[in-house]
Amino acid sequence: MTDDTSPGVSFNLLSEPWIPVLWRDGRWGRVGIRQALAEAGHIRQIALIAIARRCYSETGSRS
């Protein structure tokens, strides 16, 4: 994703770790989309609430 206010800054959602996951062995970590799909059998839970909170905090409060 390219931010219009910062030319040249990018973040690859496919490969860079941004999705919070709980692994089957109890460790927490972050993965990109490709890793999440490739290692889905080793992931116990994806922390969707954490993703939603981050999106909500970046867009501001809803009125």
N, C-alpha and C. Protein backbone atom coordinates (compact mmCIF):
# COMPACT_ATOMS: atom_id res chain seq x y z
N MET A 1 0.83 -1.18 0.00
CA MET A 1 0.00 0.00 0.00
C MET A 1 0.87 1.23 0.00
N THR A 2 0.54 2.17 -0.83
CA THR A 2 1.29 3.41 -0.87
C THR A 2 0.47 4.51 -0.22
N ASP A 3 1.09 5.23 0.68
CA ASP A 3 0.45 6.35 1.35
C ASP A 3 0.69 7.59 0.52
N ASP A 4 -0.37 8.32 0.14
CA ASP A 4 -0.23 9.50 -0.71
C ASP A 4 0.63 10.58 -0.08
N THR A 5 0.71 10.63 1.24
CA THR A 5 1.47 11.68 1.90
C THR A 5 2.96 11.32 2.04
N SER A 6 3.32 10.06 1.80
CA SER A 6 4.72 9.63 1.92
C SER A 6 5.14 8.87 0.68
N PRO A 7 5.55 9.57 -0.37
CA PRO A 7 5.94 8.91 -1.61
C PRO A 7 7.09 7.93 -1.36
N GLY A 8 7.00 6.76 -1.98
CA GLY A 8 8.05 5.77 -1.88
C GLY A 8 7.90 4.81 -0.71
N VAL A 9 6.96 5.07 0.20
CA VAL A 9 6.74 4.18 1.33
C VAL A 9 5.70 3.14 0.92
N SER A 10 6.02 1.86 1.14
CA SER A 10 5.07 0.82 0.78
C SER A 10 5.08 -0.29 1.81
N PHE A 11 4.03 -1.07 1.82
CA PHE A 11 3.90 -2.19 2.74
C PHE A 11 3.23 -3.30 1.97
N ASN A 12 3.89 -4.44 1.84
CA ASN A 12 3.37 -5.55 1.08
C ASN A 12 2.53 -6.44 2.00
N LEU A 13 1.22 -6.40 1.86
CA LEU A 13 0.32 -7.18 2.70
C LEU A 13 0.48 -8.68 2.50
N LEU A 14 0.94 -9.07 1.33
CA LEU A 14 1.12 -10.50 1.05
C LEU A 14 2.30 -11.10 1.81
N SER A 15 3.39 -10.36 1.91
CA SER A 15 4.60 -10.96 2.50
C SER A 15 5.02 -10.39 3.86
N GLU A 16 4.69 -9.16 4.14
CA GLU A 16 5.14 -8.57 5.42
C GLU A 16 4.20 -8.98 6.56
N PRO A 17 4.76 -9.29 7.73
CA PRO A 17 3.94 -9.75 8.85
C PRO A 17 3.09 -8.63 9.46
N TRP A 18 1.77 -8.83 9.43
CA TRP A 18 0.86 -7.84 10.01
C TRP A 18 -0.36 -8.49 10.65
N ILE A 19 -0.60 -9.77 10.35
CA ILE A 19 -1.77 -10.46 10.88
C ILE A 19 -1.39 -11.14 12.20
N PRO A 20 -1.99 -10.75 13.32
CA PRO A 20 -1.66 -11.39 14.60
C PRO A 20 -2.26 -12.80 14.66
N VAL A 21 -1.42 -13.78 14.98
CA VAL A 21 -1.87 -15.17 15.04
C VAL A 21 -1.42 -15.83 16.34
N LEU A 22 -2.18 -16.83 16.75
CA LEU A 22 -1.80 -17.70 17.85
C LEU A 22 -1.47 -19.04 17.22
N TRP A 23 -0.22 -19.47 17.36
CA TRP A 23 0.22 -20.74 16.81
C TRP A 23 -0.29 -21.89 17.67
N ARG A 24 -0.35 -23.07 17.13
CA ARG A 24 -0.83 -24.25 17.86
C ARG A 24 0.00 -24.54 19.11
N ASP A 25 1.28 -24.15 19.11
CA ASP A 25 2.14 -24.41 20.28
C ASP A 25 2.01 -23.33 21.36
N GLY A 26 1.10 -22.36 21.16
CA GLY A 26 0.85 -21.34 22.17
C GLY A 26 1.59 -20.03 21.99
N ARG A 27 2.47 -19.94 21.00
CA ARG A 27 3.19 -18.69 20.75
C ARG A 27 2.31 -17.73 19.96
N TRP A 28 2.47 -16.42 20.24
CA TRP A 28 1.84 -15.38 19.44
C TRP A 28 2.84 -14.89 18.42
N GLY A 29 2.36 -14.47 17.27
CA GLY A 29 3.24 -13.92 16.24
C GLY A 29 2.44 -13.14 15.23
N ARG A 30 3.12 -12.66 14.23
CA ARG A 30 2.48 -11.94 13.12
C ARG A 30 2.97 -12.57 11.82
N VAL A 31 2.06 -12.67 10.86
CA VAL A 31 2.38 -13.25 9.56
C VAL A 31 1.75 -12.42 8.46
N GLY A 32 2.28 -12.56 7.27
CA GLY A 32 1.66 -11.98 6.09
C GLY A 32 0.60 -12.93 5.55
N ILE A 33 -0.11 -12.52 4.53
CA ILE A 33 -1.18 -13.34 3.97
C ILE A 33 -0.63 -14.65 3.42
N ARG A 34 0.47 -14.62 2.68
CA ARG A 34 1.04 -15.84 2.11
C ARG A 34 1.41 -16.85 3.19
N GLN A 35 2.08 -16.40 4.24
CA GLN A 35 2.48 -17.30 5.31
C GLN A 35 1.26 -17.85 6.04
N ALA A 36 0.24 -17.02 6.24
CA ALA A 36 -0.98 -17.48 6.91
C ALA A 36 -1.64 -18.62 6.12
N LEU A 37 -1.67 -18.48 4.81
CA LEU A 37 -2.26 -19.52 3.97
C LEU A 37 -1.38 -20.77 3.92
N ALA A 38 -0.07 -20.58 3.80
CA ALA A 38 0.85 -21.70 3.71
C ALA A 38 0.92 -22.50 5.01
N GLU A 39 0.77 -21.83 6.14
CA GLU A 39 0.91 -22.49 7.44
C GLU A 39 -0.40 -22.54 8.22
N ALA A 40 -1.50 -22.51 7.51
CA ALA A 40 -2.82 -22.50 8.15
C ALA A 40 -3.03 -23.66 9.11
N GLY A 41 -2.47 -24.81 8.81
CA GLY A 41 -2.61 -25.97 9.67
C GLY A 41 -1.90 -25.84 11.00
N HIS A 42 -0.97 -24.89 11.09
CA HIS A 42 -0.20 -24.68 12.32
C HIS A 42 -0.73 -23.50 13.14
N ILE A 43 -1.72 -22.79 12.59
CA ILE A 43 -2.28 -21.62 13.27
C ILE A 43 -3.55 -22.03 14.01
N ARG A 44 -3.60 -21.73 15.30
CA ARG A 44 -4.78 -22.04 16.10
C ARG A 44 -5.84 -20.97 15.93
N GLN A 45 -5.42 -19.70 15.90
CA GLN A 45 -6.38 -18.60 15.87
C GLN A 45 -5.77 -17.38 15.21
N ILE A 46 -6.59 -16.65 14.47
CA ILE A 46 -6.20 -15.35 13.93
C ILE A 46 -6.91 -14.31 14.78
N ALA A 47 -6.17 -13.36 15.26
CA ALA A 47 -6.71 -12.36 16.18
C ALA A 47 -7.42 -11.26 15.39
N LEU A 48 -8.61 -11.56 14.92
CA LEU A 48 -9.37 -10.60 14.11
C LEU A 48 -9.77 -9.37 14.91
N ILE A 49 -9.99 -9.52 16.19
CA ILE A 49 -10.35 -8.37 17.01
C ILE A 49 -9.21 -7.35 17.01
N ALA A 50 -7.97 -7.82 17.08
CA ALA A 50 -6.82 -6.92 17.05
C ALA A 50 -6.76 -6.16 15.73
N ILE A 51 -7.07 -6.85 14.64
CA ILE A 51 -7.08 -6.20 13.32
C ILE A 51 -8.17 -5.14 13.27
N ALA A 52 -9.36 -5.48 13.75
CA ALA A 52 -10.48 -4.53 13.74
C ALA A 52 -10.17 -3.31 14.59
N ARG A 53 -9.59 -3.52 15.76
CA ARG A 53 -9.24 -2.38 16.62
C ARG A 53 -8.24 -1.47 15.95
N ARG A 54 -7.25 -2.06 15.29
CA ARG A 54 -6.24 -1.24 14.62
C ARG A 54 -6.88 -0.41 13.50
N CYS A 55 -7.73 -1.03 12.72
CA CYS A 55 -8.41 -0.30 11.65
C CYS A 55 -9.29 0.81 12.23
N TYR A 56 -9.99 0.51 13.29
CA TYR A 56 -10.88 1.48 13.92
C TYR A 56 -10.07 2.66 14.47
N SER A 57 -8.94 2.38 15.12
CA SER A 57 -8.14 3.47 15.71
C SER A 57 -7.50 4.34 14.65
N GLU A 58 -7.21 3.78 13.48
CA GLU A 58 -6.59 4.58 12.41
C GLU A 58 -7.61 5.46 11.71
N THR A 59 -8.89 5.08 11.72
CA THR A 59 -9.91 5.89 11.05
C THR A 59 -10.58 6.86 11.98
N GLY A 60 -10.31 6.76 13.28
CA GLY A 60 -10.90 7.66 14.25
C GLY A 60 -12.21 7.13 14.79
N SER A 61 -12.79 7.87 15.70
CA SER A 61 -14.03 7.42 16.33
C SER A 61 -15.19 7.60 15.37
N ARG A 62 -16.16 6.75 15.52
CA ARG A 62 -17.37 6.79 14.68
C ARG A 62 -18.46 7.53 15.45
N SER A 63 -19.14 8.46 14.80
CA SER A 63 -20.24 9.18 15.46
C SER A 63 -21.53 8.90 14.74
